[in-house]
Amino acid sequence: MSFKSDAIIEKIKVRLTKIDPNNRQVEHVYKFNITVGGKVAKTWVLDLKNVKVFEGDSPDVECSVTVSDEDFFAMGSGTLSTKDALAQDKIDVDGNLELVGKLAPFVSSL
Protein backbone atom coordinates (compact mmCIF):
# COMPACT_ATOMS: atom_id res chain seq x y z
CA MET A 1 0.00 0.00 0.00
CA SER A 2 1.32 3.42 -0.94
CA PHE A 3 1.07 6.31 1.52
CA LYS A 4 1.29 10.04 0.81
CA SER A 5 3.38 10.34 3.97
CA ASP A 6 6.08 8.08 2.48
CA ALA A 7 7.23 11.05 0.37
CA ILE A 8 7.67 13.11 3.55
CA ILE A 9 9.62 10.31 5.24
CA GLU A 10 11.96 10.19 2.24
CA LYS A 11 12.53 13.94 2.56
CA ILE A 12 13.24 13.51 6.28
CA LYS A 13 15.81 10.82 5.43
CA VAL A 14 17.55 13.25 3.06
CA ARG A 15 17.48 16.01 5.67
CA LEU A 16 19.04 13.66 8.24
CA THR A 17 22.04 13.10 5.97
CA LYS A 18 22.78 16.82 6.29
CA ILE A 19 22.85 16.82 10.10
CA ASP A 20 26.22 16.97 11.83
CA PRO A 21 25.90 14.30 14.56
CA ASN A 22 28.33 16.29 16.71
CA ASN A 23 26.31 19.52 16.47
CA ARG A 24 22.64 18.70 17.09
CA GLN A 25 19.95 20.84 18.68
CA VAL A 26 17.43 18.01 19.15
CA GLU A 27 18.30 14.52 20.40
CA HIS A 28 14.98 12.80 21.02
CA VAL A 29 13.24 9.71 19.66
CA TYR A 30 9.81 10.07 18.11
CA LYS A 31 7.30 7.56 16.82
CA PHE A 32 4.78 8.43 14.12
CA ASN A 33 1.69 6.26 13.91
CA ILE A 34 0.29 6.96 10.45
CA THR A 35 -3.42 6.26 10.22
CA VAL A 36 -5.70 5.50 7.30
CA GLY A 37 -9.43 5.32 7.97
CA GLY A 38 -8.79 5.88 11.68
CA LYS A 39 -6.55 2.82 12.08
CA VAL A 40 -2.76 2.75 12.38
CA ALA A 41 -1.47 1.56 9.00
CA LYS A 42 2.25 2.28 9.34
CA THR A 43 4.67 3.23 12.11
CA TRP A 44 7.90 5.21 11.68
CA VAL A 45 10.58 6.05 14.24
CA LEU A 46 12.51 9.30 13.91
CA ASP A 47 15.59 8.71 16.08
CA LEU A 48 17.41 12.02 16.42
CA LYS A 49 19.80 10.55 18.99
CA ASN A 50 21.27 8.24 16.36
CA VAL A 51 20.24 10.40 13.37
CA LYS A 52 18.08 7.86 11.53
CA VAL A 53 14.51 7.12 10.56
CA PHE A 54 13.07 3.65 10.10
CA GLU A 55 9.80 1.77 9.89
CA GLY A 56 8.88 -0.11 13.05
CA ASP A 57 9.12 0.61 16.76
CA SER A 58 11.76 1.39 19.37
CA PRO A 59 11.92 1.02 23.15
CA ASP A 60 13.59 4.46 23.27
CA VAL A 61 10.56 6.44 22.01
CA GLU A 62 10.01 9.58 24.09
CA CYS A 63 7.04 10.96 22.16
CA SER A 64 4.47 9.20 19.98
CA VAL A 65 2.45 11.13 17.45
CA THR A 66 -0.63 9.59 15.85
CA VAL A 67 -1.67 11.40 12.69
CA SER A 68 -3.54 10.59 9.50
CA ASP A 69 -1.60 9.98 6.32
CA GLU A 70 -3.20 13.10 4.78
CA ASP A 71 -2.37 15.36 7.74
CA PHE A 72 1.21 14.13 8.03
CA PHE A 73 1.65 14.88 4.33
CA ALA A 74 0.14 18.34 4.86
CA MET A 75 2.52 18.98 7.76
CA GLY A 76 5.50 17.86 5.70
CA SER A 77 4.50 19.92 2.69
CA GLY A 78 4.03 23.06 4.77
CA THR A 79 0.27 23.47 4.38
CA LEU A 80 -0.41 22.49 8.02
CA SER A 81 1.82 23.62 10.88
CA THR A 82 2.46 21.40 13.88
CA LYS A 83 0.89 24.10 16.06
CA ASP A 84 -2.28 24.19 13.92
CA ALA A 85 -2.45 20.39 13.81
CA LEU A 86 -2.41 20.33 17.61
CA ALA A 87 -4.99 23.12 17.89
CA GLN A 88 -7.31 21.35 15.43
CA ASP A 89 -6.91 17.95 17.15
CA LYS A 90 -5.42 16.48 13.97
CA ILE A 91 -2.61 14.83 15.91
CA ASP A 92 -2.68 12.84 19.11
CA VAL A 93 0.44 12.99 21.26
CA ASP A 94 1.48 10.38 23.80
CA GLY A 95 4.49 11.35 25.89
CA ASN A 96 6.21 14.69 26.30
CA LEU A 97 4.05 17.25 24.46
CA GLU A 98 6.88 19.82 24.52
CA LEU A 99 8.92 17.57 22.23
CA VAL A 100 6.37 18.00 19.44
CA GLY A 101 7.35 21.65 19.15
CA LYS A 102 10.91 20.62 18.43
CA LEU A 103 9.77 18.59 15.41
CA ALA A 104 9.04 21.56 13.16
CA PRO A 105 12.52 21.76 11.55
CA PHE A 106 12.38 18.05 10.71
CA VAL A 107 8.78 17.66 9.57
CA SER A 108 7.37 21.02 8.44
CA SER A 109 8.02 22.57 5.04
CA LEU A 110 10.20 19.84 3.64
PDB file of N, CA and C in Angstrom:
ATOM      1  N   MET A   1       0.843  -1.185   0.000  1.00  0.00           N
ATOM      2  CA  MET A   1       0.000   0.000   0.000  1.00  0.00           C
ATOM      3  C   MET A   1       0.883   1.241   0.000  1.00  0.00           C
ATOM      4  N   SER A   2       0.558   2.184  -0.826  1.00  0.00           N
ATOM      5  CA  SER A   2       1.315   3.422  -0.935  1.00  0.00           C
ATOM      6  C   SER A   2       0.674   4.501  -0.055  1.00  0.00           C
ATOM      7  N   PHE A   3       1.521   5.249   0.632  1.00  0.00           N
ATOM      8  CA  PHE A   3       1.067   6.311   1.521  1.00  0.00           C
ATOM      9  C   PHE A   3       1.616   7.646   1.038  1.00  0.00           C
ATOM     10  N   LYS A   4       0.805   8.702   1.152  1.00  0.00           N
ATOM     11  CA  LYS A   4       1.286  10.039   0.806  1.00  0.00           C
ATOM     12  C   LYS A   4       2.437  10.426   1.731  1.00  0.00           C
ATOM     13  N   SER A   5       2.359   9.983   2.978  1.00  0.00           N
ATOM     14  CA  SER A   5       3.381  10.337   3.974  1.00  0.00           C
ATOM     15  C   SER A   5       4.747   9.728   3.663  1.00  0.00           C
ATOM     16  N   ASP A   6       4.792   8.688   2.832  1.00  0.00           N
ATOM     17  CA  ASP A   6       6.082   8.082   2.476  1.00  0.00           C
ATOM     18  C   ASP A   6       7.009   9.108   1.820  1.00  0.00           C
ATOM     19  N   ALA A   7       6.424  10.014   1.028  1.00  0.00           N
ATOM     20  CA  ALA A   7       7.230  11.051   0.375  1.00  0.00           C
ATOM     21  C   ALA A   7       7.862  11.972   1.416  1.00  0.00           C
ATOM     22  N   ILE A   8       7.143  12.242   2.491  1.00  0.00           N
ATOM     23  CA  ILE A   8       7.670  13.106   3.554  1.00  0.00           C
ATOM     24  C   ILE A   8       8.773  12.376   4.305  1.00  0.00           C
ATOM     25  N   ILE A   9       8.586  11.096   4.552  1.00  0.00           N
ATOM     26  CA  ILE A   9       9.621  10.307   5.241  1.00  0.00           C
ATOM     27  C   ILE A   9      10.899  10.304   4.410  1.00  0.00           C
ATOM     28  N   GLU A  10      10.769  10.171   3.099  1.00  0.00           N
ATOM     29  CA  GLU A  10      11.960  10.194   2.239  1.00  0.00           C
ATOM     30  C   GLU A  10      12.683  11.541   2.336  1.00  0.00           C
ATOM     31  N   LYS A  11      11.920  12.627   2.407  1.00  0.00           N
ATOM     32  CA  LYS A  11      12.530  13.941   2.560  1.00  0.00           C
ATOM     33  C   LYS A  11      13.216  14.079   3.915  1.00  0.00           C
ATOM     34  N   ILE A  12      12.613  13.495   4.954  1.00  0.00           N
ATOM     35  CA  ILE A  12      13.240  13.512   6.277  1.00  0.00           C
ATOM     36  C   ILE A  12      14.560  12.748   6.230  1.00  0.00           C
ATOM     37  N   LYS A  13      14.566  11.601   5.549  1.00  0.00           N
ATOM     38  CA  LYS A  13      15.807  10.820   5.429  1.00  0.00           C
ATOM     39  C   LYS A  13      16.913  11.651   4.779  1.00  0.00           C
ATOM     40  N   VAL A  14      16.559  12.396   3.730  1.00  0.00           N
ATOM     41  CA  VAL A  14      17.549  13.251   3.060  1.00  0.00           C
ATOM     42  C   VAL A  14      18.036  14.342   4.016  1.00  0.00           C
ATOM     43  N   ARG A  15      17.107  14.958   4.734  1.00  0.00           N
ATOM     44  CA  ARG A  15      17.481  16.014   5.675  1.00  0.00           C
ATOM     45  C   ARG A  15      18.424  15.463   6.757  1.00  0.00           C
ATOM     46  N   LEU A  16      18.187  14.248   7.199  1.00  0.00           N
ATOM     47  CA  LEU A  16      19.037  13.656   8.238  1.00  0.00           C
ATOM     48  C   LEU A  16      20.478  13.480   7.767  1.00  0.00           C
ATOM     49  N   THR A  17      20.669  13.263   6.472  1.00  0.00           N
ATOM     50  CA  THR A  17      22.041  13.097   5.968  1.00  0.00           C
ATOM     51  C   THR A  17      22.824  14.402   6.060  1.00  0.00           C
ATOM     52  N   LYS A  18      22.129  15.515   6.219  1.00  0.00           N
ATOM     53  CA  LYS A  18      22.785  16.819   6.295  1.00  0.00           C
ATOM     54  C   LYS A  18      23.046  17.276   7.726  1.00  0.00           C
ATOM     55  N   ILE A  19      22.652  16.462   8.698  1.00  0.00           N
ATOM     56  CA  ILE A  19      22.848  16.821  10.101  1.00  0.00           C
ATOM     57  C   ILE A  19      24.235  16.383  10.557  1.00  0.00           C
ATOM     58  N   ASP A  20      24.927  17.291  11.215  1.00  0.00           N
ATOM     59  CA  ASP A  20      26.217  16.966  11.825  1.00  0.00           C
ATOM     60  C   ASP A  20      25.924  16.307  13.172  1.00  0.00           C
ATOM     61  N   PRO A  21      26.225  15.006  13.312  1.00  0.00           N
ATOM     62  CA  PRO A  21      25.903  14.300  14.556  1.00  0.00           C
ATOM     63  C   PRO A  21      26.573  14.913  15.787  1.00  0.00           C
ATOM     64  N   ASN A  22      27.624  15.678  15.586  1.00  0.00           N
ATOM     65  CA  ASN A  22      28.326  16.292  16.707  1.00  0.00           C
ATOM     66  C   ASN A  22      27.794  17.691  17.037  1.00  0.00           C
ATOM     67  N   ASN A  23      26.844  18.184  16.256  1.00  0.00           N
ATOM     68  CA  ASN A  23      26.307  19.518  16.474  1.00  0.00           C
ATOM     69  C   ASN A  23      24.791  19.496  16.269  1.00  0.00           C
ATOM     70  N   ARG A  24      24.095  18.849  17.212  1.00  0.00           N
ATOM     71  CA  ARG A  24      22.643  18.697  17.089  1.00  0.00           C
ATOM     72  C   ARG A  24      21.921  19.511  18.152  1.00  0.00           C
ATOM     73  N   GLN A  25      20.790  20.072  17.764  1.00  0.00           N
ATOM     74  CA  GLN A  25      19.949  20.840  18.681  1.00  0.00           C
ATOM     75  C   GLN A  25      18.909  19.931  19.352  1.00  0.00           C
ATOM     76  N   VAL A  26      18.486  18.891  18.649  1.00  0.00           N
ATOM     77  CA  VAL A  26      17.432  18.006  19.150  1.00  0.00           C
ATOM     78  C   VAL A  26      17.957  16.575  19.143  1.00  0.00           C
ATOM     79  N   GLU A  27      17.842  15.911  20.288  1.00  0.00           N
ATOM     80  CA  GLU A  27      18.300  14.515  20.400  1.00  0.00           C
ATOM     81  C   GLU A  27      17.238  13.678  21.102  1.00  0.00           C
ATOM     82  N   HIS A  28      16.084  13.570  20.452  1.00  0.00           N
ATOM     83  CA  HIS A  28      14.981  12.797  21.017  1.00  0.00           C
ATOM     84  C   HIS A  28      14.550  11.725  20.021  1.00  0.00           C
ATOM     85  N   VAL A  29      13.738  10.794  20.514  1.00  0.00           N
ATOM     86  CA  VAL A  29      13.243   9.708  19.663  1.00  0.00           C
ATOM     87  C   VAL A  29      11.719   9.818  19.599  1.00  0.00           C
ATOM     88  N   TYR A  30      11.226   9.911  18.368  1.00  0.00           N
ATOM     89  CA  TYR A  30       9.806  10.073  18.111  1.00  0.00           C
ATOM     90  C   TYR A  30       9.260   8.861  17.355  1.00  0.00           C
ATOM     91  N   LYS A  31       7.986   8.591  17.598  1.00  0.00           N
ATOM     92  CA  LYS A  31       7.302   7.558  16.818  1.00  0.00           C
ATOM     93  C   LYS A  31       6.094   8.206  16.154  1.00  0.00           C
ATOM     94  N   PHE A  32       5.927   7.943  14.864  1.00  0.00           N
ATOM     95  CA  PHE A  32       4.779   8.427  14.119  1.00  0.00           C
ATOM     96  C   PHE A  32       3.900   7.242  13.761  1.00  0.00           C
ATOM     97  N   ASN A  33       2.690   7.247  14.289  1.00  0.00           N
ATOM     98  CA  ASN A  33       1.691   6.256  13.913  1.00  0.00           C
ATOM     99  C   ASN A  33       0.848   6.897  12.814  1.00  0.00           C
ATOM    100  N   ILE A  34       1.003   6.416  11.598  1.00  0.00           N
ATOM    101  CA  ILE A  34       0.288   6.964  10.450  1.00  0.00           C
ATOM    102  C   ILE A  34      -1.017   6.185  10.286  1.00  0.00           C
ATOM    103  N   THR A  35      -2.123   6.925  10.296  1.00  0.00           N
ATOM    104  CA  THR A  35      -3.420   6.262  10.216  1.00  0.00           C
ATOM    105  C   THR A  35      -4.069   6.450   8.843  1.00  0.00           C
ATOM    106  N   VAL A  36      -4.860   5.451   8.488  1.00  0.00           N
ATOM    107  CA  VAL A  36      -5.705   5.501   7.297  1.00  0.00           C
ATOM    108  C   VAL A  36      -7.055   4.959   7.749  1.00  0.00           C
ATOM    109  N   GLY A  37      -8.096   5.745   7.542  1.00  0.00           N
ATOM    110  CA  GLY A  37      -9.426   5.319   7.975  1.00  0.00           C
ATOM    111  C   GLY A  37      -9.530   5.156   9.478  1.00  0.00           C
ATOM    112  N   GLY A  38      -8.734   5.925  10.221  1.00  0.00           N
ATOM    113  CA  GLY A  38      -8.787   5.883  11.681  1.00  0.00           C
ATOM    114  C   GLY A  38      -7.995   4.765  12.330  1.00  0.00           C
ATOM    115  N   LYS A  39      -7.330   3.936  11.528  1.00  0.00           N
ATOM    116  CA  LYS A  39      -6.549   2.823  12.077  1.00  0.00           C
ATOM    117  C   LYS A  39      -5.078   2.998  11.712  1.00  0.00           C
ATOM    118  N   VAL A  40      -4.198   2.647  12.640  1.00  0.00           N
ATOM    119  CA  VAL A  40      -2.759   2.751  12.378  1.00  0.00           C
ATOM    120  C   VAL A  40      -2.391   1.791  11.244  1.00  0.00           C
ATOM    121  N   ALA A  41      -1.826   2.352  10.188  1.00  0.00           N
ATOM    122  CA  ALA A  41      -1.473   1.562   9.003  1.00  0.00           C
ATOM    123  C   ALA A  41       0.038   1.406   8.862  1.00  0.00           C
ATOM    124  N   LYS A  42       0.803   2.331   9.458  1.00  0.00           N
ATOM    125  CA  LYS A  42       2.253   2.281   9.342  1.00  0.00           C
ATOM    126  C   LYS A  42       2.849   3.040  10.525  1.00  0.00           C
ATOM    127  N   THR A  43       3.994   2.576  10.994  1.00  0.00           N
ATOM    128  CA  THR A  43       4.673   3.231  12.109  1.00  0.00           C
ATOM    129  C   THR A  43       6.116   3.519  11.725  1.00  0.00           C
ATOM    130  N   TRP A  44       6.531   4.782  11.947  1.00  0.00           N
ATOM    131  CA  TRP A  44       7.899   5.215  11.681  1.00  0.00           C
ATOM    132  C   TRP A  44       8.532   5.710  12.972  1.00  0.00           C
ATOM    133  N   VAL A  45       9.827   5.498  13.108  1.00  0.00           N
ATOM    134  CA  VAL A  45      10.581   6.047  14.235  1.00  0.00           C
ATOM    135  C   VAL A  45      11.578   7.055  13.675  1.00  0.00           C
ATOM    136  N   LEU A  46      11.540   8.263  14.230  1.00  0.00           N
ATOM    137  CA  LEU A  46      12.514   9.301  13.914  1.00  0.00           C
ATOM    138  C   LEU A  46      13.436   9.386  15.121  1.00  0.00           C
ATOM    139  N   ASP A  47      14.612   8.799  14.988  1.00  0.00           N
ATOM    140  CA  ASP A  47      15.586   8.713  16.075  1.00  0.00           C
ATOM    141  C   ASP A  47      16.644   9.794  15.871  1.00  0.00           C
ATOM    142  N   LEU A  48      16.472  10.906  16.571  1.00  0.00           N
ATOM    143  CA  LEU A  48      17.409  12.015  16.418  1.00  0.00           C
ATOM    144  C   LEU A  48      18.619  11.863  17.327  1.00  0.00           C
ATOM    145  N   LYS A  49      18.604  10.857  18.200  1.00  0.00           N
ATOM    146  CA  LYS A  49      19.803  10.550  18.994  1.00  0.00           C
ATOM    147  C   LYS A  49      20.843   9.890  18.100  1.00  0.00           C
ATOM    148  N   ASN A  50      20.379   8.981  17.252  1.00  0.00           N
ATOM    149  CA  ASN A  50      21.267   8.237  16.361  1.00  0.00           C
ATOM    150  C   ASN A  50      21.166   8.705  14.912  1.00  0.00           C
ATOM    151  N   VAL A  51      20.412   9.766  14.677  1.00  0.00           N
ATOM    152  CA  VAL A  51      20.244  10.402  13.367  1.00  0.00           C
ATOM    153  C   VAL A  51      19.819   9.378  12.304  1.00  0.00           C
ATOM    154  N   LYS A  52      18.617   8.804  12.510  1.00  0.00           N
ATOM    155  CA  LYS A  52      18.078   7.860  11.532  1.00  0.00           C
ATOM    156  C   LYS A  52      16.559   7.808  11.641  1.00  0.00           C
ATOM    157  N   VAL A  53      15.947   7.345  10.585  1.00  0.00           N
ATOM    158  CA  VAL A  53      14.505   7.124  10.560  1.00  0.00           C
ATOM    159  C   VAL A  53      14.273   5.737   9.971  1.00  0.00           C
ATOM    160  N   PHE A  54      13.328   5.006  10.572  1.00  0.00           N
ATOM    161  CA  PHE A  54      13.066   3.653  10.101  1.00  0.00           C
ATOM    162  C   PHE A  54      11.631   3.257  10.410  1.00  0.00           C
ATOM    163  N   GLU A  55      11.136   2.302   9.647  1.00  0.00           N
ATOM    164  CA  GLU A  55       9.804   1.772   9.891  1.00  0.00           C
ATOM    165  C   GLU A  55       9.882   0.764  11.019  1.00  0.00           C
ATOM    166  N   GLY A  56       8.912   0.830  11.936  1.00  0.00           N
ATOM    167  CA  GLY A  56       8.883  -0.111  13.049  1.00  0.00           C
ATOM    168  C   GLY A  56       8.658   0.587  14.362  1.00  0.00           C
ATOM    169  N   ASP A  57       9.299   0.076  15.406  1.00  0.00           N
ATOM    170  CA  ASP A  57       9.122   0.611  16.756  1.00  0.00           C
ATOM    171  C   ASP A  57      10.474   0.648  17.450  1.00  0.00           C
ATOM    172  N   SER A  58      10.523   1.292  18.596  1.00  0.00           N
ATOM    173  CA  SER A  58      11.756   1.389  19.366  1.00  0.00           C
ATOM    174  C   SER A  58      11.402   1.522  20.838  1.00  0.00           C
ATOM    175  N   PRO A  59      12.167   0.870  21.712  1.00  0.00           N
ATOM    176  CA  PRO A  59      11.918   1.017  23.151  1.00  0.00           C
ATOM    177  C   PRO A  59      12.351   2.390  23.665  1.00  0.00           C
ATOM    178  N   ASP A  60      13.064   3.165  22.850  1.00  0.00           N
ATOM    179  CA  ASP A  60      13.586   4.462  23.273  1.00  0.00           C
ATOM    180  C   ASP A  60      12.672   5.636  22.943  1.00  0.00           C
ATOM    181  N   VAL A  61      11.474   5.372  22.413  1.00  0.00           N
ATOM    182  CA  VAL A  61      10.559   6.444  22.006  1.00  0.00           C
ATOM    183  C   VAL A  61      10.188   7.301  23.217  1.00  0.00           C
ATOM    184  N   GLU A  62      10.338   8.627  23.036  1.00  0.00           N
ATOM    185  CA  GLU A  62      10.007   9.582  24.093  1.00  0.00           C
ATOM    186  C   GLU A  62       8.677  10.289  23.817  1.00  0.00           C
ATOM    187  N   CYS A  63       8.257  10.261  22.562  1.00  0.00           N
ATOM    188  CA  CYS A  63       7.036  10.958  22.162  1.00  0.00           C
ATOM    189  C   CYS A  63       6.432  10.236  20.966  1.00  0.00           C
ATOM    190  N   SER A  64       5.177   9.846  21.091  1.00  0.00           N
ATOM    191  CA  SER A  64       4.471   9.197  19.980  1.00  0.00           C
ATOM    192  C   SER A  64       3.424  10.148  19.438  1.00  0.00           C
ATOM    193  N   VAL A  65       3.390  10.261  18.123  1.00  0.00           N
ATOM    194  CA  VAL A  65       2.445  11.127  17.448  1.00  0.00           C
ATOM    195  C   VAL A  65       1.589  10.266  16.525  1.00  0.00           C
ATOM    196  N   THR A  66       0.289  10.307  16.720  1.00  0.00           N
ATOM    197  CA  THR A  66      -0.627   9.594  15.849  1.00  0.00           C
ATOM    198  C   THR A  66      -1.301  10.632  14.966  1.00  0.00           C
ATOM    199  N   VAL A  67      -1.191  10.416  13.660  1.00  0.00           N
ATOM    200  CA  VAL A  67      -1.666  11.404  12.687  1.00  0.00           C
ATOM    201  C   VAL A  67      -2.100  10.676  11.420  1.00  0.00           C
ATOM    202  N   SER A  68      -3.101  11.219  10.748  1.00  0.00           N
ATOM    203  CA  SER A  68      -3.543  10.589   9.500  1.00  0.00           C
ATOM    204  C   SER A  68      -2.486  10.776   8.418  1.00  0.00           C
ATOM    205  N   ASP A  69      -2.521   9.903   7.444  1.00  0.00           N
ATOM    206  CA  ASP A  69      -1.603   9.981   6.317  1.00  0.00           C
ATOM    207  C   ASP A  69      -1.722  11.346   5.641  1.00  0.00           C
ATOM    208  N   GLU A  70      -2.945  11.808   5.438  1.00  0.00           N
ATOM    209  CA  GLU A  70      -3.202  13.099   4.784  1.00  0.00           C
ATOM    210  C   GLU A  70      -2.610  14.256   5.597  1.00  0.00           C
ATOM    211  N   ASP A  71      -2.846  14.253   6.909  1.00  0.00           N
ATOM    212  CA  ASP A  71      -2.373  15.361   7.745  1.00  0.00           C
ATOM    213  C   ASP A  71      -0.856  15.353   7.892  1.00  0.00           C
ATOM    214  N   PHE A  72      -0.243  14.184   7.955  1.00  0.00           N
ATOM    215  CA  PHE A  72       1.215  14.129   8.026  1.00  0.00           C
ATOM    216  C   PHE A  72       1.812  14.677   6.726  1.00  0.00           C
ATOM    217  N   PHE A  73       1.198  14.337   5.611  1.00  0.00           N
ATOM    218  CA  PHE A  73       1.647  14.875   4.328  1.00  0.00           C
ATOM    219  C   PHE A  73       1.496  16.397   4.313  1.00  0.00           C
ATOM    220  N   ALA A  74       0.373  16.894   4.813  1.00  0.00           N
ATOM    221  CA  ALA A  74       0.139  18.341   4.864  1.00  0.00           C
ATOM    222  C   ALA A  74       1.169  19.029   5.753  1.00  0.00           C
ATOM    223  N   MET A  75       1.510  18.414   6.865  1.00  0.00           N
ATOM    224  CA  MET A  75       2.525  18.981   7.755  1.00  0.00           C
ATOM    225  C   MET A  75       3.879  19.022   7.047  1.00  0.00           C
ATOM    226  N   GLY A  76       4.214  17.954   6.383  1.00  0.00           N
ATOM    227  CA  GLY A  76       5.500  17.862   5.702  1.00  0.00           C
ATOM    228  C   GLY A  76       5.610  18.740   4.473  1.00  0.00           C
ATOM    229  N   SER A  77       4.468  19.072   3.881  1.00  0.00           N
ATOM    230  CA  SER A  77       4.505  19.916   2.692  1.00  0.00           C
ATOM    231  C   SER A  77       4.271  21.387   3.032  1.00  0.00           C
ATOM    232  N   GLY A  78       4.120  21.682   4.318  1.00  0.00           N
ATOM    233  CA  GLY A  78       4.025  23.062   4.767  1.00  0.00           C
ATOM    234  C   GLY A  78       2.643  23.679   4.733  1.00  0.00           C
ATOM    235  N   THR A  79       1.614  22.899   4.418  1.00  0.00           N
ATOM    236  CA  THR A  79       0.266  23.468   4.384  1.00  0.00           C
ATOM    237  C   THR A  79      -0.449  23.351   5.733  1.00  0.00           C
ATOM    238  N   LEU A  80       0.143  22.623   6.678  1.00  0.00           N
ATOM    239  CA  LEU A  80      -0.407  22.486   8.024  1.00  0.00           C
ATOM    240  C   LEU A  80       0.752  22.530   9.012  1.00  0.00           C
ATOM    241  N   SER A  81       0.750  23.529   9.880  1.00  0.00           N
ATOM    242  CA  SER A  81       1.824  23.617  10.877  1.00  0.00           C
ATOM    243  C   SER A  81       1.549  22.649  12.022  1.00  0.00           C
ATOM    244  N   THR A  82       2.600  22.289  12.723  1.00  0.00           N
ATOM    245  CA  THR A  82       2.456  21.404  13.879  1.00  0.00           C
ATOM    246  C   THR A  82       1.541  22.057  14.908  1.00  0.00           C
ATOM    247  N   LYS A  83       1.708  23.353  15.104  1.00  0.00           N
ATOM    248  CA  LYS A  83       0.886  24.099  16.059  1.00  0.00           C
ATOM    249  C   LYS A  83      -0.587  24.032  15.674  1.00  0.00           C
ATOM    250  N   ASP A  84      -0.897  24.257  14.383  1.00  0.00           N
ATOM    251  CA  ASP A  84      -2.282  24.190  13.919  1.00  0.00           C
ATOM    252  C   ASP A  84      -2.836  22.770  14.015  1.00  0.00           C
ATOM    253  N   ALA A  85      -2.007  21.788  13.707  1.00  0.00           N
ATOM    254  CA  ALA A  85      -2.450  20.389  13.808  1.00  0.00           C
ATOM    255  C   ALA A  85      -2.847  20.049  15.238  1.00  0.00           C
ATOM    256  N   LEU A  86      -2.072  20.545  16.200  1.00  0.00           N
ATOM    257  CA  LEU A  86      -2.412  20.333  17.607  1.00  0.00           C
ATOM    258  C   LEU A  86      -3.707  21.055  17.965  1.00  0.00           C
ATOM    259  N   ALA A  87      -3.818  22.314  17.559  1.00  0.00           N
ATOM    260  CA  ALA A  87      -4.993  23.120  17.888  1.00  0.00           C
ATOM    261  C   ALA A  87      -6.272  22.541  17.292  1.00  0.00           C
ATOM    262  N   GLN A  88      -6.149  21.909  16.125  1.00  0.00           N
ATOM    263  CA  GLN A  88      -7.306  21.351  15.433  1.00  0.00           C
ATOM    264  C   GLN A  88      -7.537  19.874  15.761  1.00  0.00           C
ATOM    265  N   ASP A  89      -6.804  19.359  16.744  1.00  0.00           N
ATOM    266  CA  ASP A  89      -6.908  17.947  17.152  1.00  0.00           C
ATOM    267  C   ASP A  89      -6.679  16.990  15.996  1.00  0.00           C
ATOM    268  N   LYS A  90      -5.749  17.351  15.104  1.00  0.00           N
ATOM    269  CA  LYS A  90      -5.423  16.481  13.972  1.00  0.00           C
ATOM    270  C   LYS A  90      -4.292  15.525  14.317  1.00  0.00           C
ATOM    271  N   ILE A  91      -3.637  15.764  15.443  1.00  0.00           N
ATOM    272  CA  ILE A  91      -2.607  14.827  15.907  1.00  0.00           C
ATOM    273  C   ILE A  91      -2.865  14.514  17.378  1.00  0.00           C
ATOM    274  N   ASP A  92      -2.558  13.298  17.731  1.00  0.00           N
ATOM    275  CA  ASP A  92      -2.681  12.838  19.110  1.00  0.00           C
ATOM    276  C   ASP A  92      -1.274  12.554  19.602  1.00  0.00           C
ATOM    277  N   VAL A  93      -0.910  13.128  20.739  1.00  0.00           N
ATOM    278  CA  VAL A  93       0.444  12.988  21.260  1.00  0.00           C
ATOM    279  C   VAL A  93       0.423  12.172  22.542  1.00  0.00           C
ATOM    280  N   ASP A  94       1.299  11.186  22.599  1.00  0.00           N
ATOM    281  CA  ASP A  94       1.485  10.382  23.797  1.00  0.00           C
ATOM    282  C   ASP A  94       2.937  10.567  24.226  1.00  0.00           C
ATOM    283  N   GLY A  95       3.132  11.071  25.426  1.00  0.00           N
ATOM    284  CA  GLY A  95       4.491  11.353  25.888  1.00  0.00           C
ATOM    285  C   GLY A  95       4.655  12.839  26.104  1.00  0.00           C
ATOM    286  N   ASN A  96       5.868  13.307  26.025  1.00  0.00           N
ATOM    287  CA  ASN A  96       6.207  14.694  26.298  1.00  0.00           C
ATOM    288  C   ASN A  96       5.715  15.616  25.175  1.00  0.00           C
ATOM    289  N   LEU A  97       4.650  16.364  25.450  1.00  0.00           N
ATOM    290  CA  LEU A  97       4.051  17.250  24.456  1.00  0.00           C
ATOM    291  C   LEU A  97       5.025  18.336  24.003  1.00  0.00           C
ATOM    292  N   GLU A  98       5.904  18.780  24.880  1.00  0.00           N
ATOM    293  CA  GLU A  98       6.878  19.816  24.523  1.00  0.00           C
ATOM    294  C   GLU A  98       7.804  19.360  23.387  1.00  0.00           C
ATOM    295  N   LEU A  99       8.036  18.076  23.279  1.00  0.00           N
ATOM    296  CA  LEU A  99       8.921  17.566  22.230  1.00  0.00           C
ATOM    297  C   LEU A  99       8.331  17.749  20.842  1.00  0.00           C
ATOM    298  N   VAL A 100       7.004  17.822  20.748  1.00  0.00           N
ATOM    299  CA  VAL A 100       6.369  18.000  19.441  1.00  0.00           C
ATOM    300  C   VAL A 100       6.789  19.329  18.829  1.00  0.00           C
ATOM    301  N   GLY A 101       6.920  20.354  19.643  1.00  0.00           N
ATOM    302  CA  GLY A 101       7.346  21.652  19.148  1.00  0.00           C
ATOM    303  C   GLY A 101       8.725  21.635  18.526  1.00  0.00           C
ATOM    304  N   LYS A 102       9.556  20.719  18.954  1.00  0.00           N
ATOM    305  CA  LYS A 102      10.914  20.616  18.430  1.00  0.00           C
ATOM    306  C   LYS A 102      10.966  19.900  17.089  1.00  0.00           C
ATOM    307  N   LEU A 103       9.831  19.344  16.671  1.00  0.00           N
ATOM    308  CA  LEU A 103       9.766  18.594  15.407  1.00  0.00           C
ATOM    309  C   LEU A 103       9.736  19.478  14.171  1.00  0.00           C
ATOM    310  N   ALA A 104       9.273  20.692  14.314  1.00  0.00           N
ATOM    311  CA  ALA A 104       9.043  21.561  13.159  1.00  0.00           C
ATOM    312  C   ALA A 104      10.193  21.583  12.142  1.00  0.00           C
ATOM    313  N   PRO A 105      11.445  21.734  12.556  1.00  0.00           N
ATOM    314  CA  PRO A 105      12.517  21.756  11.554  1.00  0.00           C
ATOM    315  C   PRO A 105      12.681  20.442  10.787  1.00  0.00           C
ATOM    316  N   PHE A 106      12.191  19.355  11.342  1.00  0.00           N
ATOM    317  CA  PHE A 106      12.375  18.049  10.714  1.00  0.00           C
ATOM    318  C   PHE A 106      11.172  17.619   9.885  1.00  0.00           C
ATOM    319  N   VAL A 107       9.991  18.121  10.225  1.00  0.00           N
ATOM    320  CA  VAL A 107       8.780  17.659   9.568  1.00  0.00           C
ATOM    321  C   VAL A 107       8.141  18.743   8.695  1.00  0.00           C
ATOM    322  N   SER A 108       8.094  19.977   9.165  1.00  0.00           N
ATOM    323  CA  SER A 108       7.371  21.023   8.443  1.00  0.00           C
ATOM    324  C   SER A 108       8.176  21.575   7.272  1.00  0.00           C
ATOM    325  N   SER A 109       7.462  21.908   6.233  1.00  0.00           N
ATOM    326  CA  SER A 109       8.016  22.567   5.041  1.00  0.00           C
ATOM    327  C   SER A 109       9.231  21.874   4.460  1.00  0.00           C
ATOM    328  N   LEU A 110       9.113  20.582   4.266  1.00  0.00           N
ATOM    329  CA  LEU A 110      10.198  19.839   3.645  1.00  0.00           C
ATOM    330  C   LEU A 110      10.115  20.083   2.187  1.00  0.00           C
TER     331      LEU A 110
END
